[in-house]
Amino acid sequence: MKLDENYTKGLEVLEKIDKENYEAIVNSFKDSVAPDLGVLAVSFNYGQIFSRPGLDLKSRMLATVAGLTALGNTEQLRFYINGALNVGWTEEEILEAMMQMIIYSGFPNGLNTILTVASEVFESRKEKQTI
Protein backbone atom coordinates (compact mmCIF):
# COMPACT_ATOMS: atom_id res chain seq x y z
CA MET A 1 0.00 0.00 0.00
CA LYS A 2 1.26 3.47 -0.88
CA LEU A 3 2.37 5.59 2.08
CA ASP A 4 1.26 9.20 1.93
CA GLU A 5 1.32 12.49 3.85
CA ASN A 6 -1.46 11.30 6.16
CA TYR A 7 0.59 8.27 7.10
CA THR A 8 3.59 10.48 7.95
CA LYS A 9 1.40 12.81 10.02
CA GLY A 10 -0.15 9.80 11.71
CA LEU A 11 3.24 8.41 12.72
CA GLU A 12 4.13 11.78 14.23
CA VAL A 13 0.94 11.74 16.29
CA LEU A 14 1.52 8.15 17.41
CA GLU A 15 5.05 9.04 18.50
CA LYS A 16 3.63 11.80 20.72
CA ILE A 17 1.14 9.36 22.23
CA ASP A 18 3.60 6.54 22.96
CA LYS A 19 7.19 7.22 22.01
CA GLU A 20 8.41 3.89 23.42
CA ASN A 21 5.98 1.59 21.64
CA TYR A 22 4.51 3.24 18.56
CA GLU A 23 6.90 1.59 16.09
CA ALA A 24 6.21 -1.87 17.52
CA ILE A 25 2.48 -1.23 17.26
CA VAL A 26 2.76 -0.17 13.63
CA ASN A 27 5.11 -3.06 12.80
CA SER A 28 2.78 -5.60 14.43
CA PHE A 29 0.47 -5.30 11.43
CA LYS A 30 3.16 -6.23 8.90
CA ASP A 31 2.97 -9.97 9.54
CA SER A 32 -0.76 -10.06 10.25
CA VAL A 33 -3.48 -11.40 7.97
CA ALA A 34 -4.21 -7.78 6.96
CA PRO A 35 -0.91 -5.88 6.72
CA ASP A 36 -2.54 -2.89 4.99
CA LEU A 37 -4.79 -2.41 8.01
CA GLY A 38 -1.90 -0.83 9.94
CA VAL A 39 -1.26 1.69 7.19
CA LEU A 40 -4.96 2.52 7.00
CA ALA A 41 -5.23 2.91 10.77
CA VAL A 42 -2.23 5.22 10.97
CA SER A 43 -3.28 7.26 7.93
CA PHE A 44 -6.92 7.66 8.86
CA ASN A 45 -7.08 7.55 12.66
CA TYR A 46 -3.99 9.58 13.41
CA GLY A 47 -3.14 11.32 10.14
CA GLN A 48 -6.65 12.55 9.38
CA ILE A 49 -8.71 12.47 12.58
CA PHE A 50 -6.25 13.04 15.43
CA SER A 51 -4.48 15.70 13.30
CA ARG A 52 -7.59 17.79 12.69
CA PRO A 53 -7.70 21.36 14.00
CA GLY A 54 -10.17 22.24 16.74
CA LEU A 55 -8.93 19.99 19.54
CA ASP A 56 -5.43 19.49 20.77
CA LEU A 57 -3.95 16.02 21.16
CA LYS A 58 -4.41 16.07 24.92
CA SER A 59 -8.16 16.72 24.57
CA ARG A 60 -8.50 14.07 21.88
CA MET A 61 -6.84 11.52 24.12
CA LEU A 62 -9.28 12.12 26.98
CA ALA A 63 -12.22 11.96 24.55
CA THR A 64 -10.87 8.66 23.23
CA VAL A 65 -10.45 7.22 26.73
CA ALA A 66 -14.03 8.25 27.53
CA GLY A 67 -15.40 6.76 24.30
CA LEU A 68 -13.58 3.46 24.69
CA THR A 69 -14.71 3.29 28.32
CA ALA A 70 -18.34 3.82 27.31
CA LEU A 71 -18.00 1.08 24.70
CA GLY A 72 -16.31 -1.25 27.19
CA ASN A 73 -13.38 -1.68 24.80
CA THR A 74 -10.72 -3.01 27.15
CA GLU A 75 -8.11 -3.90 24.52
CA GLN A 76 -7.45 -0.51 22.89
CA LEU A 77 -8.18 1.31 26.16
CA ARG A 78 -4.83 0.24 27.63
CA PHE A 79 -2.94 2.05 24.89
CA TYR A 80 -5.03 5.20 25.18
CA ILE A 81 -4.90 5.43 28.99
CA ASN A 82 -1.13 5.13 28.78
CA GLY A 83 -1.09 7.70 25.98
CA ALA A 84 -3.33 10.08 27.94
CA LEU A 85 -0.83 9.95 30.79
CA ASN A 86 2.00 10.56 28.30
CA VAL A 87 0.37 13.74 26.96
CA GLY A 88 -0.30 15.26 30.37
CA TRP A 89 -3.48 13.91 31.95
CA THR A 90 -3.25 12.72 35.55
CA GLU A 91 -4.55 9.42 36.87
CA GLU A 92 -7.25 11.29 38.78
CA GLU A 93 -8.44 13.16 35.68
CA ILE A 94 -8.53 9.98 33.63
CA LEU A 95 -10.48 8.15 36.32
CA GLU A 96 -12.99 10.99 36.58
CA ALA A 97 -13.60 10.94 32.83
CA MET A 98 -14.00 7.17 32.95
CA MET A 99 -16.39 7.32 35.91
CA GLN A 100 -18.47 9.91 34.05
CA MET A 101 -19.08 7.27 31.39
CA ILE A 102 -20.81 4.97 33.91
CA ILE A 103 -23.89 7.17 33.44
CA TYR A 104 -24.04 6.21 29.77
CA SER A 105 -22.63 2.71 29.67
CA GLY A 106 -23.47 1.25 33.08
CA PHE A 107 -21.55 -0.15 36.01
CA PRO A 108 -20.30 -3.35 34.31
CA ASN A 109 -18.30 -1.28 31.78
CA GLY A 110 -17.08 0.96 34.58
CA LEU A 111 -15.97 -1.97 36.69
CA ASN A 112 -14.20 -3.66 33.77
CA THR A 113 -12.49 -0.55 32.48
CA ILE A 114 -11.64 1.24 35.72
CA LEU A 115 -10.92 -1.58 38.15
CA THR A 116 -9.20 -3.76 35.59
CA VAL A 117 -7.72 -1.80 32.69
CA ALA A 118 -6.93 1.54 34.36
CA SER A 119 -5.56 -0.23 37.43
CA GLU A 120 -3.29 -2.40 35.27
CA VAL A 121 -1.96 0.58 33.29
CA PHE A 122 -1.32 2.67 36.40
CA GLU A 123 0.39 -0.23 38.19
CA SER A 124 2.52 -1.10 35.15
CA ARG A 125 3.75 2.49 34.88
CA LYS A 126 4.62 2.56 38.59
CA GLU A 127 6.58 -0.69 38.24
CA LYS A 128 8.56 0.74 35.30
CA GLN A 129 9.43 3.81 37.37
CA THR A 130 10.88 1.69 40.19
CA ILE A 131 13.03 -0.43 37.87
C-alpha atoms as a PDB file:
ATOM      1  CA  MET A   1       0.000   0.000   0.000  1.00  0.00           C
ATOM      2  CA  LYS A   2       1.257   3.474  -0.879  1.00  0.00           C
ATOM      3  CA  LEU A   3       2.365   5.586   2.077  1.00  0.00           C
ATOM      4  CA  ASP A   4       1.259   9.202   1.930  1.00  0.00           C
ATOM      5  CA  GLU A   5       1.322  12.492   3.847  1.00  0.00           C
ATOM      6  CA  ASN A   6      -1.464  11.305   6.156  1.00  0.00           C
ATOM      7  CA  TYR A   7       0.595   8.266   7.097  1.00  0.00           C
ATOM      8  CA  THR A   8       3.586  10.476   7.951  1.00  0.00           C
ATOM      9  CA  LYS A   9       1.402  12.812  10.023  1.00  0.00           C
ATOM     10  CA  GLY A  10      -0.150   9.801  11.706  1.00  0.00           C
ATOM     11  CA  LEU A  11       3.236   8.411  12.718  1.00  0.00           C
ATOM     12  CA  GLU A  12       4.133  11.784  14.228  1.00  0.00           C
ATOM     13  CA  VAL A  13       0.943  11.745  16.294  1.00  0.00           C
ATOM     14  CA  LEU A  14       1.524   8.149  17.411  1.00  0.00           C
ATOM     15  CA  GLU A  15       5.046   9.039  18.503  1.00  0.00           C
ATOM     16  CA  LYS A  16       3.625  11.796  20.719  1.00  0.00           C
ATOM     17  CA  ILE A  17       1.143   9.357  22.231  1.00  0.00           C
ATOM     18  CA  ASP A  18       3.602   6.545  22.961  1.00  0.00           C
ATOM     19  CA  LYS A  19       7.189   7.220  22.005  1.00  0.00           C
ATOM     20  CA  GLU A  20       8.407   3.895  23.416  1.00  0.00           C
ATOM     21  CA  ASN A  21       5.975   1.585  21.640  1.00  0.00           C
ATOM     22  CA  TYR A  22       4.512   3.244  18.555  1.00  0.00           C
ATOM     23  CA  GLU A  23       6.904   1.591  16.091  1.00  0.00           C
ATOM     24  CA  ALA A  24       6.211  -1.866  17.522  1.00  0.00           C
ATOM     25  CA  ILE A  25       2.482  -1.229  17.263  1.00  0.00           C
ATOM     26  CA  VAL A  26       2.758  -0.170  13.626  1.00  0.00           C
ATOM     27  CA  ASN A  27       5.107  -3.056  12.796  1.00  0.00           C
ATOM     28  CA  SER A  28       2.782  -5.604  14.432  1.00  0.00           C
ATOM     29  CA  PHE A  29       0.471  -5.303  11.433  1.00  0.00           C
ATOM     30  CA  LYS A  30       3.160  -6.235   8.899  1.00  0.00           C
ATOM     31  CA  ASP A  31       2.967  -9.972   9.539  1.00  0.00           C
ATOM     32  CA  SER A  32      -0.758 -10.056  10.248  1.00  0.00           C
ATOM     33  CA  VAL A  33      -3.477 -11.400   7.973  1.00  0.00           C
ATOM     34  CA  ALA A  34      -4.210  -7.777   6.961  1.00  0.00           C
ATOM     35  CA  PRO A  35      -0.911  -5.881   6.722  1.00  0.00           C
ATOM     36  CA  ASP A  36      -2.544  -2.885   4.992  1.00  0.00           C
ATOM     37  CA  LEU A  37      -4.790  -2.408   8.014  1.00  0.00           C
ATOM     38  CA  GLY A  38      -1.896  -0.833   9.938  1.00  0.00           C
ATOM     39  CA  VAL A  39      -1.262   1.693   7.189  1.00  0.00           C
ATOM     40  CA  LEU A  40      -4.963   2.517   7.002  1.00  0.00           C
ATOM     41  CA  ALA A  41      -5.226   2.912  10.774  1.00  0.00           C
ATOM     42  CA  VAL A  42      -2.226   5.222  10.971  1.00  0.00           C
ATOM     43  CA  SER A  43      -3.279   7.256   7.934  1.00  0.00           C
ATOM     44  CA  PHE A  44      -6.921   7.661   8.861  1.00  0.00           C
ATOM     45  CA  ASN A  45      -7.081   7.551  12.656  1.00  0.00           C
ATOM     46  CA  TYR A  46      -3.994   9.581  13.405  1.00  0.00           C
ATOM     47  CA  GLY A  47      -3.140  11.323  10.136  1.00  0.00           C
ATOM     48  CA  GLN A  48      -6.648  12.548   9.383  1.00  0.00           C
ATOM     49  CA  ILE A  49      -8.709  12.470  12.578  1.00  0.00           C
ATOM     50  CA  PHE A  50      -6.249  13.036  15.427  1.00  0.00           C
ATOM     51  CA  SER A  51      -4.480  15.700  13.303  1.00  0.00           C
ATOM     52  CA  ARG A  52      -7.593  17.793  12.687  1.00  0.00           C
ATOM     53  CA  PRO A  53      -7.699  21.360  14.003  1.00  0.00           C
ATOM     54  CA  GLY A  54     -10.167  22.244  16.739  1.00  0.00           C
ATOM     55  CA  LEU A  55      -8.934  19.993  19.545  1.00  0.00           C
ATOM     56  CA  ASP A  56      -5.428  19.495  20.766  1.00  0.00           C
ATOM     57  CA  LEU A  57      -3.954  16.016  21.157  1.00  0.00           C
ATOM     58  CA  LYS A  58      -4.407  16.072  24.921  1.00  0.00           C
ATOM     59  CA  SER A  59      -8.161  16.723  24.571  1.00  0.00           C
ATOM     60  CA  ARG A  60      -8.500  14.071  21.881  1.00  0.00           C
ATOM     61  CA  MET A  61      -6.843  11.524  24.121  1.00  0.00           C
ATOM     62  CA  LEU A  62      -9.280  12.123  26.976  1.00  0.00           C
ATOM     63  CA  ALA A  63     -12.224  11.957  24.545  1.00  0.00           C
ATOM     64  CA  THR A  64     -10.871   8.656  23.226  1.00  0.00           C
ATOM     65  CA  VAL A  65     -10.454   7.219  26.728  1.00  0.00           C
ATOM     66  CA  ALA A  66     -14.035   8.251  27.529  1.00  0.00           C
ATOM     67  CA  GLY A  67     -15.403   6.762  24.302  1.00  0.00           C
ATOM     68  CA  LEU A  68     -13.581   3.462  24.693  1.00  0.00           C
ATOM     69  CA  THR A  69     -14.706   3.295  28.323  1.00  0.00           C
ATOM     70  CA  ALA A  70     -18.344   3.820  27.306  1.00  0.00           C
ATOM     71  CA  LEU A  71     -17.996   1.081  24.696  1.00  0.00           C
ATOM     72  CA  GLY A  72     -16.313  -1.254  27.190  1.00  0.00           C
ATOM     73  CA  ASN A  73     -13.377  -1.684  24.799  1.00  0.00           C
ATOM     74  CA  THR A  74     -10.720  -3.008  27.150  1.00  0.00           C
ATOM     75  CA  GLU A  75      -8.112  -3.898  24.519  1.00  0.00           C
ATOM     76  CA  GLN A  76      -7.448  -0.508  22.895  1.00  0.00           C
ATOM     77  CA  LEU A  77      -8.183   1.310  26.157  1.00  0.00           C
ATOM     78  CA  ARG A  78      -4.832   0.239  27.635  1.00  0.00           C
ATOM     79  CA  PHE A  79      -2.938   2.045  24.887  1.00  0.00           C
ATOM     80  CA  TYR A  80      -5.034   5.196  25.184  1.00  0.00           C
ATOM     81  CA  ILE A  81      -4.900   5.432  28.989  1.00  0.00           C
ATOM     82  CA  ASN A  82      -1.133   5.129  28.778  1.00  0.00           C
ATOM     83  CA  GLY A  83      -1.092   7.701  25.976  1.00  0.00           C
ATOM     84  CA  ALA A  84      -3.326  10.081  27.943  1.00  0.00           C
ATOM     85  CA  LEU A  85      -0.826   9.946  30.793  1.00  0.00           C
ATOM     86  CA  ASN A  86       1.997  10.558  28.305  1.00  0.00           C
ATOM     87  CA  VAL A  87       0.368  13.741  26.960  1.00  0.00           C
ATOM     88  CA  GLY A  88      -0.295  15.263  30.372  1.00  0.00           C
ATOM     89  CA  TRP A  89      -3.479  13.909  31.952  1.00  0.00           C
ATOM     90  CA  THR A  90      -3.248  12.722  35.552  1.00  0.00           C
ATOM     91  CA  GLU A  91      -4.546   9.416  36.867  1.00  0.00           C
ATOM     92  CA  GLU A  92      -7.249  11.294  38.783  1.00  0.00           C
ATOM     93  CA  GLU A  93      -8.443  13.164  35.685  1.00  0.00           C
ATOM     94  CA  ILE A  94      -8.535   9.983  33.627  1.00  0.00           C
ATOM     95  CA  LEU A  95     -10.484   8.148  36.325  1.00  0.00           C
ATOM     96  CA  GLU A  96     -12.994  10.993  36.585  1.00  0.00           C
ATOM     97  CA  ALA A  97     -13.599  10.936  32.825  1.00  0.00           C
ATOM     98  CA  MET A  98     -14.004   7.165  32.953  1.00  0.00           C
ATOM     99  CA  MET A  99     -16.387   7.316  35.910  1.00  0.00           C
ATOM    100  CA  GLN A 100     -18.471   9.905  34.052  1.00  0.00           C
ATOM    101  CA  MET A 101     -19.084   7.269  31.389  1.00  0.00           C
ATOM    102  CA  ILE A 102     -20.809   4.974  33.910  1.00  0.00           C
ATOM    103  CA  ILE A 103     -23.893   7.173  33.445  1.00  0.00           C
ATOM    104  CA  TYR A 104     -24.037   6.207  29.770  1.00  0.00           C
ATOM    105  CA  SER A 105     -22.633   2.706  29.673  1.00  0.00           C
ATOM    106  CA  GLY A 106     -23.467   1.252  33.083  1.00  0.00           C
ATOM    107  CA  PHE A 107     -21.548  -0.150  36.006  1.00  0.00           C
ATOM    108  CA  PRO A 108     -20.298  -3.346  34.307  1.00  0.00           C
ATOM    109  CA  ASN A 109     -18.301  -1.284  31.781  1.00  0.00           C
ATOM    110  CA  GLY A 110     -17.080   0.962  34.581  1.00  0.00           C
ATOM    111  CA  LEU A 111     -15.974  -1.975  36.690  1.00  0.00           C
ATOM    112  CA  ASN A 112     -14.199  -3.663  33.770  1.00  0.00           C
ATOM    113  CA  THR A 113     -12.491  -0.550  32.481  1.00  0.00           C
ATOM    114  CA  ILE A 114     -11.641   1.235  35.724  1.00  0.00           C
ATOM    115  CA  LEU A 115     -10.924  -1.579  38.145  1.00  0.00           C
ATOM    116  CA  THR A 116      -9.196  -3.764  35.590  1.00  0.00           C
ATOM    117  CA  VAL A 117      -7.720  -1.798  32.694  1.00  0.00           C
ATOM    118  CA  ALA A 118      -6.932   1.539  34.365  1.00  0.00           C
ATOM    119  CA  SER A 119      -5.557  -0.232  37.434  1.00  0.00           C
ATOM    120  CA  GLU A 120      -3.291  -2.400  35.267  1.00  0.00           C
ATOM    121  CA  VAL A 121      -1.961   0.579  33.294  1.00  0.00           C
ATOM    122  CA  PHE A 122      -1.321   2.673  36.402  1.00  0.00           C
ATOM    123  CA  GLU A 123       0.393  -0.230  38.188  1.00  0.00           C
ATOM    124  CA  SER A 124       2.515  -1.102  35.153  1.00  0.00           C
ATOM    125  CA  ARG A 125       3.749   2.488  34.881  1.00  0.00           C
ATOM    126  CA  LYS A 126       4.616   2.555  38.589  1.00  0.00           C
ATOM    127  CA  GLU A 127       6.577  -0.694  38.237  1.00  0.00           C
ATOM    128  CA  LYS A 128       8.556   0.742  35.300  1.00  0.00           C
ATOM    129  CA  GLN A 129       9.434   3.813  37.368  1.00  0.00           C
ATOM    130  CA  THR A 130      10.877   1.688  40.187  1.00  0.00           C
ATOM    131  CA  ILE A 131      13.029  -0.430  37.874  1.00  0.00           C
END
